[in-house]
Structures are given as structure tokens and as C-alpha cells.
Amino acid sequence: MPNFIVEFSESLIEQIDQDTLMDTVYQGAKSSEHFPPEVIKVRTQARSNYRLYTGQKDFLHVAGHILSGRTDEQKAEISQAVMAELKKLSLQSVFVSVEIVDIHRESFLDHTF
């Protein structure tokens, strides 16, 4: 646990590959020092249908799903660590956002098969 979902415009692949995106988000989550590195999970979702009204060509949104219980300050630290890594990328005309989402601890289940 945590799960970081990287949602982005499909055309962003012209600027950066998915492995680099996942590695960058992983590094940000790791550098936040809120999770053991071996439990961080990252996946991507490319979107072909979207509209941006802000003038940018592409978007990149990271949603970090974490078990409930952390303070707002801790969540901000995680967001800031991920964003700091994303800012190191040489992206052009991209709207970038990061959010941290609580997972209801009492109803969450996971298992390795």
C-alpha cells in the first residue's frame, strides 16, 4: 500500500515514456519517507478523450491512494515530494496535478496470490 495512479493525456507519450513517469512518481513517493519503498505501487492510465480549458496541450494527474489516518500535513508532504520529482522532467505545455486520497482503512483488503 500505497497505490499511485498516473493518469495522463495519451499524446504526452510524445514527450516522455510511461516507465519514466512511473519511476519519477515512485521516486517522489519514496523520497517523502512516509512509506517503505517495497510497498509503493505505481500504475499508469493513458487517456485519449479529454478537454483542457487552460491552454495546455496535455495533462498529467497523480492520485496517491493511501490508508486513512495521516494528517493533512503528512499528505501535503507526500504531494510535494511527488511534485518536486515531476518538476524535474522537461515537459512542455502540460497541466500537472497531484492529490492524496484516503482509503477507508476498515474496509480495505489486499492479498498477494
PDB file of N, CA and C in Angstrom:
ATOM      1  N   MET A   1       0.877  -1.153   0.000  1.00  0.00           N
ATOM      2  CA  MET A   1       0.000   0.000   0.000  1.00  0.00           C
ATOM      3  C   MET A   1       0.905   1.190   0.000  1.00  0.00           C
ATOM      4  N   PRO A   2       0.998   2.166  -0.514  1.00  0.00           N
ATOM      5  CA  PRO A   2       0.055   2.987  -1.252  1.00  0.00           C
ATOM      6  C   PRO A   2       0.037   2.668  -2.753  1.00  0.00           C
ATOM      7  N   ASN A   3      -1.012   3.135  -3.395  1.00  0.00           N
ATOM      8  CA  ASN A   3      -1.151   2.991  -4.840  1.00  0.00           C
ATOM      9  C   ASN A   3      -1.164   4.378  -5.469  1.00  0.00           C
ATOM     10  N   PHE A   4      -0.238   4.604  -6.386  1.00  0.00           N
ATOM     11  CA  PHE A   4      -0.179   5.874  -7.114  1.00  0.00           C
ATOM     12  C   PHE A   4      -0.624   5.616  -8.549  1.00  0.00           C
ATOM     13  N   ILE A   5      -1.685   6.298  -8.938  1.00  0.00           N
ATOM     14  CA  ILE A   5      -2.233   6.147 -10.282  1.00  0.00           C
ATOM     15  C   ILE A   5      -1.873   7.397 -11.070  1.00  0.00           C
ATOM     16  N   VAL A   6      -1.151   7.196 -12.153  1.00  0.00           N
ATOM     17  CA  VAL A   6      -0.696   8.296 -13.000  1.00  0.00           C
ATOM     18  C   VAL A   6      -1.593   8.330 -14.229  1.00  0.00           C
ATOM     19  N   GLU A   7      -2.464   9.299 -14.264  1.00  0.00           N
ATOM     20  CA  GLU A   7      -3.393   9.474 -15.380  1.00  0.00           C
ATOM     21  C   GLU A   7      -2.848  10.609 -16.246  1.00  0.00           C
ATOM     22  N   PHE A   8      -2.841  10.416 -17.563  1.00  0.00           N
ATOM     23  CA  PHE A   8      -2.231  11.420 -18.430  1.00  0.00           C
ATOM     24  C   PHE A   8      -2.841  11.375 -19.824  1.00  0.00           C
ATOM     25  N   SER A   9      -2.676  12.482 -20.534  1.00  0.00           N
ATOM     26  CA  SER A   9      -3.142  12.525 -21.916  1.00  0.00           C
ATOM     27  C   SER A   9      -2.249  11.624 -22.763  1.00  0.00           C
ATOM     28  N   GLU A  10      -2.885  10.873 -23.634  1.00  0.00           N
ATOM     29  CA  GLU A  10      -2.177   9.903 -24.459  1.00  0.00           C
ATOM     30  C   GLU A  10      -1.041  10.554 -25.258  1.00  0.00           C
ATOM     31  N   SER A  11      -1.252  11.777 -25.710  1.00  0.00           N
ATOM     32  CA  SER A  11      -0.237  12.448 -26.520  1.00  0.00           C
ATOM     33  C   SER A  11       0.999  12.858 -25.709  1.00  0.00           C
ATOM     34  N   LEU A  12       0.932  12.775 -24.394  1.00  0.00           N
ATOM     35  CA  LEU A  12       2.097  13.081 -23.567  1.00  0.00           C
ATOM     36  C   LEU A  12       3.241  12.103 -23.843  1.00  0.00           C
ATOM     37  N   ILE A  13       2.916  10.930 -24.368  1.00  0.00           N
ATOM     38  CA  ILE A  13       3.923   9.914 -24.698  1.00  0.00           C
ATOM     39  C   ILE A  13       4.912  10.446 -25.732  1.00  0.00           C
ATOM     40  N   GLU A  14       4.532  11.492 -26.466  1.00  0.00           N
ATOM     41  CA  GLU A  14       5.478  12.121 -27.399  1.00  0.00           C
ATOM     42  C   GLU A  14       6.627  12.789 -26.653  1.00  0.00           C
ATOM     43  N   GLN A  15       6.405  13.127 -25.371  1.00  0.00           N
ATOM     44  CA  GLN A  15       7.424  13.804 -24.581  1.00  0.00           C
ATOM     45  C   GLN A  15       8.138  12.895 -23.590  1.00  0.00           C
ATOM     46  N   ILE A  16       7.445  11.877 -23.088  1.00  0.00           N
ATOM     47  CA  ILE A  16       8.003  11.048 -22.023  1.00  0.00           C
ATOM     48  C   ILE A  16       7.349   9.669 -22.059  1.00  0.00           C
ATOM     49  N   ASP A  17       8.120   8.647 -21.763  1.00  0.00           N
ATOM     50  CA  ASP A  17       7.556   7.294 -21.785  1.00  0.00           C
ATOM     51  C   ASP A  17       6.961   6.932 -20.422  1.00  0.00           C
ATOM     52  N   GLN A  18       6.115   5.923 -20.432  1.00  0.00           N
ATOM     53  CA  GLN A  18       5.393   5.532 -19.220  1.00  0.00           C
ATOM     54  C   GLN A  18       6.323   5.019 -18.124  1.00  0.00           C
ATOM     55  N   ASP A  19       7.379   4.327 -18.487  1.00  0.00           N
ATOM     56  CA  ASP A  19       8.310   3.839 -17.469  1.00  0.00           C
ATOM     57  C   ASP A  19       8.955   5.004 -16.725  1.00  0.00           C
ATOM     58  N   THR A  20       9.318   6.049 -17.438  1.00  0.00           N
ATOM     59  CA  THR A  20       9.908   7.223 -16.793  1.00  0.00           C
ATOM     60  C   THR A  20       8.894   7.896 -15.880  1.00  0.00           C
ATOM     61  N   LEU A  21       7.649   7.986 -16.318  1.00  0.00           N
ATOM     62  CA  LEU A  21       6.605   8.551 -15.464  1.00  0.00           C
ATOM     63  C   LEU A  21       6.462   7.746 -14.174  1.00  0.00           C
ATOM     64  N   MET A  22       6.390   6.423 -14.310  1.00  0.00           N
ATOM     65  CA  MET A  22       6.229   5.578 -13.123  1.00  0.00           C
ATOM     66  C   MET A  22       7.440   5.682 -12.201  1.00  0.00           C
ATOM     67  N   ASP A  23       8.632   5.673 -12.780  1.00  0.00           N
ATOM     68  CA  ASP A  23       9.848   5.777 -11.966  1.00  0.00           C
ATOM     69  C   ASP A  23       9.915   7.119 -11.246  1.00  0.00           C
ATOM     70  N   THR A  24       9.474   8.179 -11.894  1.00  0.00           N
ATOM     71  CA  THR A  24       9.502   9.514 -11.298  1.00  0.00           C
ATOM     72  C   THR A  24       8.529   9.598 -10.123  1.00  0.00           C
ATOM     73  N   VAL A  25       7.327   9.095 -10.311  1.00  0.00           N
ATOM     74  CA  VAL A  25       6.338   9.116  -9.227  1.00  0.00           C
ATOM     75  C   VAL A  25       6.803   8.224  -8.083  1.00  0.00           C
ATOM     76  N   TYR A  26       7.349   7.069  -8.410  1.00  0.00           N
ATOM     77  CA  TYR A  26       7.886   6.181  -7.369  1.00  0.00           C
ATOM     78  C   TYR A  26       8.959   6.900  -6.553  1.00  0.00           C
ATOM     79  N   GLN A  27       9.875   7.571  -7.231  1.00  0.00           N
ATOM     80  CA  GLN A  27      10.952   8.268  -6.538  1.00  0.00           C
ATOM     81  C   GLN A  27      10.400   9.356  -5.622  1.00  0.00           C
ATOM     82  N   GLY A  28       9.385  10.069  -6.090  1.00  0.00           N
ATOM     83  CA  GLY A  28       8.772  11.090  -5.252  1.00  0.00           C
ATOM     84  C   GLY A  28       8.120  10.496  -4.014  1.00  0.00           C
ATOM     85  N   ALA A  29       7.374   9.416  -4.199  1.00  0.00           N
ATOM     86  CA  ALA A  29       6.729   8.762  -3.059  1.00  0.00           C
ATOM     87  C   ALA A  29       7.778   8.242  -2.082  1.00  0.00           C
ATOM     88  N   LYS A  30       8.827   7.662  -2.609  1.00  0.00           N
ATOM     89  CA  LYS A  30       9.910   7.150  -1.772  1.00  0.00           C
ATOM     90  C   LYS A  30      10.596   8.284  -1.011  1.00  0.00           C
ATOM     91  N   SER A  31      10.869   9.385  -1.698  1.00  0.00           N
ATOM     92  CA  SER A  31      11.591  10.490  -1.058  1.00  0.00           C
ATOM     93  C   SER A  31      10.756  11.201   0.011  1.00  0.00           C
ATOM     94  N   SER A  32       9.435  10.981  -0.006  1.00  0.00           N
ATOM     95  CA  SER A  32       8.602  11.568   1.045  1.00  0.00           C
ATOM     96  C   SER A  32       8.896  10.936   2.407  1.00  0.00           C
ATOM     97  N   GLU A  33       9.457   9.745   2.375  1.00  0.00           N
ATOM     98  CA  GLU A  33       9.811   8.985   3.581  1.00  0.00           C
ATOM     99  C   GLU A  33       8.597   8.611   4.433  1.00  0.00           C
ATOM    100  N   HIS A  34       7.438   8.522   3.804  1.00  0.00           N
ATOM    101  CA  HIS A  34       6.231   8.103   4.519  1.00  0.00           C
ATOM    102  C   HIS A  34       5.899   6.625   4.292  1.00  0.00           C
ATOM    103  N   PHE A  35       6.634   5.967   3.379  1.00  0.00           N
ATOM    104  CA  PHE A  35       6.343   4.574   3.053  1.00  0.00           C
ATOM    105  C   PHE A  35       7.638   3.794   2.890  1.00  0.00           C
ATOM    106  N   PRO A  36       7.640   2.529   3.280  1.00  0.00           N
ATOM    107  CA  PRO A  36       8.775   1.681   2.923  1.00  0.00           C
ATOM    108  C   PRO A  36       8.797   1.529   1.389  1.00  0.00           C
ATOM    109  N   PRO A  37       9.946   1.635   0.755  1.00  0.00           N
ATOM    110  CA  PRO A  37       9.999   1.598  -0.720  1.00  0.00           C
ATOM    111  C   PRO A  37       9.358   0.366  -1.339  1.00  0.00           C
ATOM    112  N   GLU A  38       9.433  -0.770  -0.652  1.00  0.00           N
ATOM    113  CA  GLU A  38       8.937  -2.010  -1.245  1.00  0.00           C
ATOM    114  C   GLU A  38       7.415  -2.108  -1.284  1.00  0.00           C
ATOM    115  N   VAL A  39       6.705  -1.207  -0.629  1.00  0.00           N
ATOM    116  CA  VAL A  39       5.242  -1.284  -0.646  1.00  0.00           C
ATOM    117  C   VAL A  39       4.603  -0.288  -1.613  1.00  0.00           C
ATOM    118  N   ILE A  40       5.393   0.586  -2.209  1.00  0.00           N
ATOM    119  CA  ILE A  40       4.857   1.598  -3.133  1.00  0.00           C
ATOM    120  C   ILE A  40       4.517   0.932  -4.460  1.00  0.00           C
ATOM    121  N   LYS A  41       3.307   1.195  -4.934  1.00  0.00           N
ATOM    122  CA  LYS A  41       2.854   0.657  -6.220  1.00  0.00           C
ATOM    123  C   LYS A  41       2.477   1.828  -7.122  1.00  0.00           C
ATOM    124  N   VAL A  42       2.839   1.741  -8.400  1.00  0.00           N
ATOM    125  CA  VAL A  42       2.542   2.805  -9.359  1.00  0.00           C
ATOM    126  C   VAL A  42       2.006   2.170 -10.630  1.00  0.00           C
ATOM    127  N   ARG A  43       0.965   2.776 -11.189  1.00  0.00           N
ATOM    128  CA  ARG A  43       0.454   2.320 -12.481  1.00  0.00           C
ATOM    129  C   ARG A  43       0.003   3.530 -13.287  1.00  0.00           C
ATOM    130  N   THR A  44      -0.124   3.340 -14.585  1.00  0.00           N
ATOM    131  CA  THR A  44      -0.489   4.448 -15.468  1.00  0.00           C
ATOM    132  C   THR A  44      -1.806   4.173 -16.182  1.00  0.00           C
ATOM    133  N   GLN A  45      -2.455   5.274 -16.553  1.00  0.00           N
ATOM    134  CA  GLN A  45      -3.677   5.218 -17.358  1.00  0.00           C
ATOM    135  C   GLN A  45      -3.620   6.356 -18.372  1.00  0.00           C
ATOM    136  N   ALA A  46      -3.433   5.999 -19.627  1.00  0.00           N
ATOM    137  CA  ALA A  46      -3.429   6.995 -20.695  1.00  0.00           C
ATOM    138  C   ALA A  46      -4.866   7.295 -21.104  1.00  0.00           C
ATOM    139  N   ARG A  47      -5.145   8.555 -21.336  1.00  0.00           N
ATOM    140  CA  ARG A  47      -6.493   8.983 -21.736  1.00  0.00           C
ATOM    141  C   ARG A  47      -6.440   9.608 -23.125  1.00  0.00           C
ATOM    142  N   SER A  48      -7.289   9.107 -24.015  1.00  0.00           N
ATOM    143  CA  SER A  48      -7.344   9.668 -25.359  1.00  0.00           C
ATOM    144  C   SER A  48      -8.434  10.727 -25.488  1.00  0.00           C
ATOM    145  N   ASN A  49      -9.414  10.695 -24.608  1.00  0.00           N
ATOM    146  CA  ASN A  49     -10.515  11.660 -24.670  1.00  0.00           C
ATOM    147  C   ASN A  49     -10.496  12.547 -23.432  1.00  0.00           C
ATOM    148  N   TYR A  50     -10.273  13.824 -23.640  1.00  0.00           N
ATOM    149  CA  TYR A  50     -10.232  14.797 -22.549  1.00  0.00           C
ATOM    150  C   TYR A  50     -10.310  16.199 -23.149  1.00  0.00           C
ATOM    151  N   ARG A  51     -10.609  17.164 -22.316  1.00  0.00           N
ATOM    152  CA  ARG A  51     -10.611  18.573 -22.720  1.00  0.00           C
ATOM    153  C   ARG A  51      -9.872  19.368 -21.659  1.00  0.00           C
ATOM    154  N   LEU A  52      -9.015  20.249 -22.103  1.00  0.00           N
ATOM    155  CA  LEU A  52      -8.333  21.187 -21.206  1.00  0.00           C
ATOM    156  C   LEU A  52      -8.758  22.590 -21.609  1.00  0.00           C
ATOM    157  N   TYR A  53      -9.162  23.361 -20.660  1.00  0.00           N
ATOM    158  CA  TYR A  53      -9.594  24.726 -20.938  1.00  0.00           C
ATOM    159  C   TYR A  53      -8.581  25.737 -20.438  1.00  0.00           C
ATOM    160  N   THR A  54      -7.376  25.255 -20.159  1.00  0.00           N
ATOM    161  CA  THR A  54      -6.355  26.121 -19.586  1.00  0.00           C
ATOM    162  C   THR A  54      -5.276  26.511 -20.580  1.00  0.00           C
ATOM    163  N   GLY A  55      -5.345  26.027 -21.808  1.00  0.00           N
ATOM    164  CA  GLY A  55      -4.363  26.380 -22.823  1.00  0.00           C
ATOM    165  C   GLY A  55      -3.251  25.355 -22.998  1.00  0.00           C
ATOM    166  N   GLN A  56      -3.097  24.428 -22.050  1.00  0.00           N
ATOM    167  CA  GLN A  56      -2.074  23.407 -22.203  1.00  0.00           C
ATOM    168  C   GLN A  56      -2.543  22.334 -23.177  1.00  0.00           C
ATOM    169  N   LYS A  57      -1.567  21.695 -23.809  1.00  0.00           N
ATOM    170  CA  LYS A  57      -1.878  20.620 -24.747  1.00  0.00           C
ATOM    171  C   LYS A  57      -2.181  19.316 -24.011  1.00  0.00           C
ATOM    172  N   ASP A  58      -1.428  19.047 -22.942  1.00  0.00           N
ATOM    173  CA  ASP A  58      -1.509  17.764 -22.256  1.00  0.00           C
ATOM    174  C   ASP A  58      -1.785  17.938 -20.767  1.00  0.00           C
ATOM    175  N   PHE A  59      -2.128  16.817 -20.115  1.00  0.00           N
ATOM    176  CA  PHE A  59      -2.287  16.831 -18.665  1.00  0.00           C
ATOM    177  C   PHE A  59      -1.604  15.609 -18.068  1.00  0.00           C
ATOM    178  N   LEU A  60      -1.277  15.730 -16.795  1.00  0.00           N
ATOM    179  CA  LEU A  60      -0.688  14.662 -16.013  1.00  0.00           C
ATOM    180  C   LEU A  60      -1.223  14.805 -14.597  1.00  0.00           C
ATOM    181  N   HIS A  61      -1.951  13.791 -14.130  1.00  0.00           N
ATOM    182  CA  HIS A  61      -2.526  13.850 -12.790  1.00  0.00           C
ATOM    183  C   HIS A  61      -2.121  12.598 -12.025  1.00  0.00           C
ATOM    184  N   VAL A  62      -1.600  12.807 -10.830  1.00  0.00           N
ATOM    185  CA  VAL A  62      -1.203  11.695  -9.969  1.00  0.00           C
ATOM    186  C   VAL A  62      -2.150  11.662  -8.771  1.00  0.00           C
ATOM    187  N   ALA A  63      -2.782  10.518  -8.575  1.00  0.00           N
ATOM    188  CA  ALA A  63      -3.629  10.305  -7.400  1.00  0.00           C
ATOM    189  C   ALA A  63      -2.953   9.239  -6.548  1.00  0.00           C
ATOM    190  N   GLY A  64      -2.535   9.649  -5.366  1.00  0.00           N
ATOM    191  CA  GLY A  64      -1.916   8.717  -4.432  1.00  0.00           C
ATOM    192  C   GLY A  64      -2.959   8.217  -3.453  1.00  0.00           C
ATOM    193  N   HIS A  65      -3.300   6.959  -3.539  1.00  0.00           N
ATOM    194  CA  HIS A  65      -4.302   6.358  -2.653  1.00  0.00           C
ATOM    195  C   HIS A  65      -3.571   5.727  -1.474  1.00  0.00           C
ATOM    196  N   ILE A  66      -3.845   6.256  -0.273  1.00  0.00           N
ATOM    197  CA  ILE A  66      -3.166   5.787   0.936  1.00  0.00           C
ATOM    198  C   ILE A  66      -4.199   5.444   1.998  1.00  0.00           C
ATOM    199  N   LEU A  67      -3.826   4.559   2.910  1.00  0.00           N
ATOM    200  CA  LEU A  67      -4.731   4.230   4.003  1.00  0.00           C
ATOM    201  C   LEU A  67      -4.977   5.452   4.876  1.00  0.00           C
ATOM    202  N   SER A  68      -6.199   5.629   5.308  1.00  0.00           N
ATOM    203  CA  SER A  68      -6.579   6.777   6.131  1.00  0.00           C
ATOM    204  C   SER A  68      -5.777   6.798   7.428  1.00  0.00           C
ATOM    205  N   GLY A  69      -5.681   7.986   7.997  1.00  0.00           N
ATOM    206  CA  GLY A  69      -5.013   8.120   9.277  1.00  0.00           C
ATOM    207  C   GLY A  69      -3.881   9.128   9.290  1.00  0.00           C
ATOM    208  N   ARG A  70      -3.413   9.543   8.111  1.00  0.00           N
ATOM    209  CA  ARG A  70      -2.349  10.539   8.076  1.00  0.00           C
ATOM    210  C   ARG A  70      -2.924  11.941   8.193  1.00  0.00           C
ATOM    211  N   THR A  71      -2.129  12.844   8.713  1.00  0.00           N
ATOM    212  CA  THR A  71      -2.561  14.232   8.873  1.00  0.00           C
ATOM    213  C   THR A  71      -2.535  14.950   7.527  1.00  0.00           C
ATOM    214  N   ASP A  72      -3.196  16.092   7.477  1.00  0.00           N
ATOM    215  CA  ASP A  72      -3.152  16.912   6.266  1.00  0.00           C
ATOM    216  C   ASP A  72      -1.721  17.325   5.953  1.00  0.00           C
ATOM    217  N   GLU A  73      -0.945  17.601   6.972  1.00  0.00           N
ATOM    218  CA  GLU A  73       0.459  17.979   6.776  1.00  0.00           C
ATOM    219  C   GLU A  73       1.243  16.838   6.132  1.00  0.00           C
ATOM    220  N   GLN A  74       1.039  15.622   6.596  1.00  0.00           N
ATOM    221  CA  GLN A  74       1.724  14.467   6.016  1.00  0.00           C
ATOM    222  C   GLN A  74       1.311  14.254   4.563  1.00  0.00           C
ATOM    223  N   LYS A  75       0.025  14.416   4.289  1.00  0.00           N
ATOM    224  CA  LYS A  75      -0.454  14.269   2.908  1.00  0.00           C
ATOM    225  C   LYS A  75       0.166  15.330   2.012  1.00  0.00           C
ATOM    226  N   ALA A  76       0.284  16.549   2.518  1.00  0.00           N
ATOM    227  CA  ALA A  76       0.909  17.627   1.754  1.00  0.00           C
ATOM    228  C   ALA A  76       2.380  17.312   1.481  1.00  0.00           C
ATOM    229  N   GLU A  77       3.062  16.738   2.458  1.00  0.00           N
ATOM    230  CA  GLU A  77       4.462  16.356   2.263  1.00  0.00           C
ATOM    231  C   GLU A  77       4.597  15.331   1.138  1.00  0.00           C
ATOM    232  N   ILE A  78       3.692  14.388   1.083  1.00  0.00           N
ATOM    233  CA  ILE A  78       3.720  13.367   0.032  1.00  0.00           C
ATOM    234  C   ILE A  78       3.480  14.019  -1.324  1.00  0.00           C
ATOM    235  N   SER A  79       2.450  14.857  -1.418  1.00  0.00           N
ATOM    236  CA  SER A  79       2.156  15.556  -2.676  1.00  0.00           C
ATOM    237  C   SER A  79       3.340  16.382  -3.137  1.00  0.00           C
ATOM    238  N   GLN A  80       3.926  17.124  -2.211  1.00  0.00           N
ATOM    239  CA  GLN A  80       5.044  17.998  -2.548  1.00  0.00           C
ATOM    240  C   GLN A  80       6.261  17.199  -3.010  1.00  0.00           C
ATOM    241  N   ALA A  81       6.503  16.043  -2.394  1.00  0.00           N
ATOM    242  CA  ALA A  81       7.632  15.207  -2.797  1.00  0.00           C
ATOM    243  C   ALA A  81       7.439  14.660  -4.209  1.00  0.00           C
ATOM    244  N   VAL A  82       6.220  14.232  -4.520  1.00  0.00           N
ATOM    245  CA  VAL A  82       5.934  13.731  -5.868  1.00  0.00           C
ATOM    246  C   VAL A  82       6.034  14.870  -6.881  1.00  0.00           C
ATOM    247  N   MET A  83       5.453  16.018  -6.569  1.00  0.00           N
ATOM    248  CA  MET A  83       5.504  17.151  -7.490  1.00  0.00           C
ATOM    249  C   MET A  83       6.944  17.612  -7.722  1.00  0.00           C
ATOM    250  N   ALA A  84       7.773  17.594  -6.684  1.00  0.00           N
ATOM    251  CA  ALA A  84       9.169  18.004  -6.837  1.00  0.00           C
ATOM    252  C   ALA A  84       9.884  17.135  -7.871  1.00  0.00           C
ATOM    253  N   GLU A  85       9.600  15.834  -7.857  1.00  0.00           N
ATOM    254  CA  GLU A  85      10.209  14.949  -8.853  1.00  0.00           C
ATOM    255  C   GLU A  85       9.653  15.206 -10.250  1.00  0.00           C
ATOM    256  N   LEU A  86       8.339  15.439 -10.337  1.00  0.00           N
ATOM    257  CA  LEU A  86       7.726  15.703 -11.644  1.00  0.00           C
ATOM    258  C   LEU A  86       8.269  16.985 -12.256  1.00  0.00           C
ATOM    259  N   LYS A  87       8.555  17.976 -11.420  1.00  0.00           N
ATOM    260  CA  LYS A  87       9.087  19.249 -11.918  1.00  0.00           C
ATOM    261  C   LYS A  87      10.463  19.095 -12.554  1.00  0.00           C
ATOM    262  N   LYS A  88      11.172  18.039 -12.232  1.00  0.00           N
ATOM    263  CA  LYS A  88      12.500  17.796 -12.812  1.00  0.00           C
ATOM    264  C   LYS A  88      12.421  17.329 -14.261  1.00  0.00           C
ATOM    265  N   LEU A  89      11.243  16.875 -14.678  1.00  0.00           N
ATOM    266  CA  LEU A  89      11.060  16.410 -16.050  1.00  0.00           C
ATOM    267  C   LEU A  89      10.997  17.607 -16.993  1.00  0.00           C
ATOM    268  N   SER A  90      11.415  17.422 -18.207  1.00  0.00           N
ATOM    269  CA  SER A  90      11.397  18.513 -19.192  1.00  0.00           C
ATOM    270  C   SER A  90      10.108  18.453 -20.003  1.00  0.00           C
ATOM    271  N   LEU A  91       8.993  18.732 -19.347  1.00  0.00           N
ATOM    272  CA  LEU A  91       7.694  18.670 -20.013  1.00  0.00           C
ATOM    273  C   LEU A  91       7.304  20.052 -20.519  1.00  0.00           C
ATOM    274  N   GLN A  92       6.614  20.079 -21.642  1.00  0.00           N
ATOM    275  CA  GLN A  92       6.178  21.329 -22.258  1.00  0.00           C
ATOM    276  C   GLN A  92       4.661  21.325 -22.414  1.00  0.00           C
ATOM    277  N   SER A  93       4.024  22.430 -22.057  1.00  0.00           N
ATOM    278  CA  SER A  93       2.588  22.628 -22.230  1.00  0.00           C
ATOM    279  C   SER A  93       1.764  21.506 -21.588  1.00  0.00           C
ATOM    280  N   VAL A  94       2.062  21.234 -20.315  1.00  0.00           N
ATOM    281  CA  VAL A  94       1.397  20.163 -19.576  1.00  0.00           C
ATOM    282  C   VAL A  94       0.841  20.721 -18.268  1.00  0.00           C
ATOM    283  N   PHE A  95      -0.439  20.459 -18.002  1.00  0.00           N
ATOM    284  CA  PHE A  95      -1.041  20.781 -16.715  1.00  0.00           C
ATOM    285  C   PHE A  95      -0.771  19.602 -15.796  1.00  0.00           C
ATOM    286  N   VAL A  96      -0.076  19.834 -14.685  1.00  0.00           N
ATOM    287  CA  VAL A  96       0.327  18.761 -13.778  1.00  0.00           C
ATOM    288  C   VAL A  96      -0.342  18.972 -12.420  1.00  0.00           C
ATOM    289  N   SER A  97      -0.900  17.900 -11.865  1.00  0.00           N
ATOM    290  CA  SER A  97      -1.519  17.979 -10.546  1.00  0.00           C
ATOM    291  C   SER A  97      -1.258  16.684  -9.777  1.00  0.00           C
ATOM    292  N   VAL A  98      -1.286  16.819  -8.437  1.00  0.00           N
ATOM    293  CA  VAL A  98      -1.081  15.675  -7.549  1.00  0.00           C
ATOM    294  C   VAL A  98      -2.102  15.783  -6.426  1.00  0.00           C
ATOM    295  N   GLU A  99      -2.714  14.680  -6.073  1.00  0.00           N
ATOM    296  CA  GLU A  99      -3.611  14.642  -4.920  1.00  0.00           C
ATOM    297  C   GLU A  99      -3.358  13.372  -4.127  1.00  0.00           C
ATOM    298  N   ILE A 100      -3.664  13.447  -2.852  1.00  0.00           N
ATOM    299  CA  ILE A 100      -3.577  12.275  -1.984  1.00  0.00           C
ATOM    300  C   ILE A 100      -4.986  11.961  -1.506  1.00  0.00           C
ATOM    301  N   VAL A 101      -5.395  10.714  -1.693  1.00  0.00           N
ATOM    302  CA  VAL A 101      -6.754  10.272  -1.419  1.00  0.00           C
ATOM    303  C   VAL A 101      -6.727   9.222  -0.318  1.00  0.00           C
ATOM    304  N   ASP A 102      -7.564   9.407   0.697  1.00  0.00           N
ATOM    305  CA  ASP A 102      -7.672   8.416   1.767  1.00  0.00           C
ATOM    306  C   ASP A 102      -8.456   7.194   1.310  1.00  0.00           C
ATOM    307  N   ILE A 103      -7.961   6.036   1.684  1.00  0.00           N
ATOM    308  CA  ILE A 103      -8.691   4.779   1.518  1.00  0.00           C
ATOM    309  C   ILE A 103      -9.260   4.421   2.887  1.00  0.00           C
ATOM    310  N   HIS A 104     -10.518   4.075   2.915  1.00  0.00           N
ATOM    311  CA  HIS A 104     -11.174   3.702   4.159  1.00  0.00           C
ATOM    312  C   HIS A 104     -10.484   2.467   4.735  1.00  0.00           C
ATOM    313  N   ARG A 105      -9.771   2.667   5.801  1.00  0.00           N
ATOM    314  CA  ARG A 105      -8.925   1.627   6.395  1.00  0.00           C
ATOM    315  C   ARG A 105      -9.723   0.378   6.792  1.00  0.00           C
ATOM    316  N   GLU A 106     -10.889   0.576   7.379  1.00  0.00           N
ATOM    317  CA  GLU A 106     -11.662  -0.549   7.902  1.00  0.00           C
ATOM    318  C   GLU A 106     -12.241  -1.445   6.804  1.00  0.00           C
ATOM    319  N   SER A 107     -12.396  -0.929   5.610  1.00  0.00           N
ATOM    320  CA  SER A 107     -12.978  -1.755   4.550  1.00  0.00           C
ATOM    321  C   SER A 107     -11.941  -2.196   3.511  1.00  0.00           C
ATOM    322  N   PHE A 108     -10.718  -1.723   3.612  1.00  0.00           N
ATOM    323  CA  PHE A 108      -9.693  -2.068   2.623  1.00  0.00           C
ATOM    324  C   PHE A 108      -9.139  -3.469   2.882  1.00  0.00           C
ATOM    325  N   LEU A 109      -9.040  -4.244   1.840  1.00  0.00           N
ATOM    326  CA  LEU A 109      -8.426  -5.581   1.891  1.00  0.00           C
ATOM    327  C   LEU A 109      -7.412  -5.688   0.763  1.00  0.00           C
ATOM    328  N   ASP A 110      -6.322  -6.355   1.020  1.00  0.00           N
ATOM    329  CA  ASP A 110      -5.415  -6.720  -0.051  1.00  0.00           C
ATOM    330  C   ASP A 110      -4.806  -8.076   0.261  1.00  0.00           C
ATOM    331  N   HIS A 111      -4.319  -8.732  -0.767  1.00  0.00           N
ATOM    332  CA  HIS A 111      -3.788 -10.078  -0.609  1.00  0.00           C
ATOM    333  C   HIS A 111      -2.871 -10.348  -1.791  1.00  0.00           C
ATOM    334  N   THR A 112      -1.807 -11.053  -1.546  1.00  0.00           N
ATOM    335  CA  THR A 112      -0.911 -11.483  -2.618  1.00  0.00           C
ATOM    336  C   THR A 112      -1.196 -12.944  -2.930  1.00  0.00           C
ATOM    337  N   PHE A 113      -1.474 -13.226  -4.172  1.00  0.00           N
ATOM    338  CA  PHE A 113      -1.776 -14.598  -4.600  1.00  0.00           C
ATOM    339  C   PHE A 113      -0.548 -15.219  -5.241  1.00  0.00           C
TER     340      PHE A 113
END
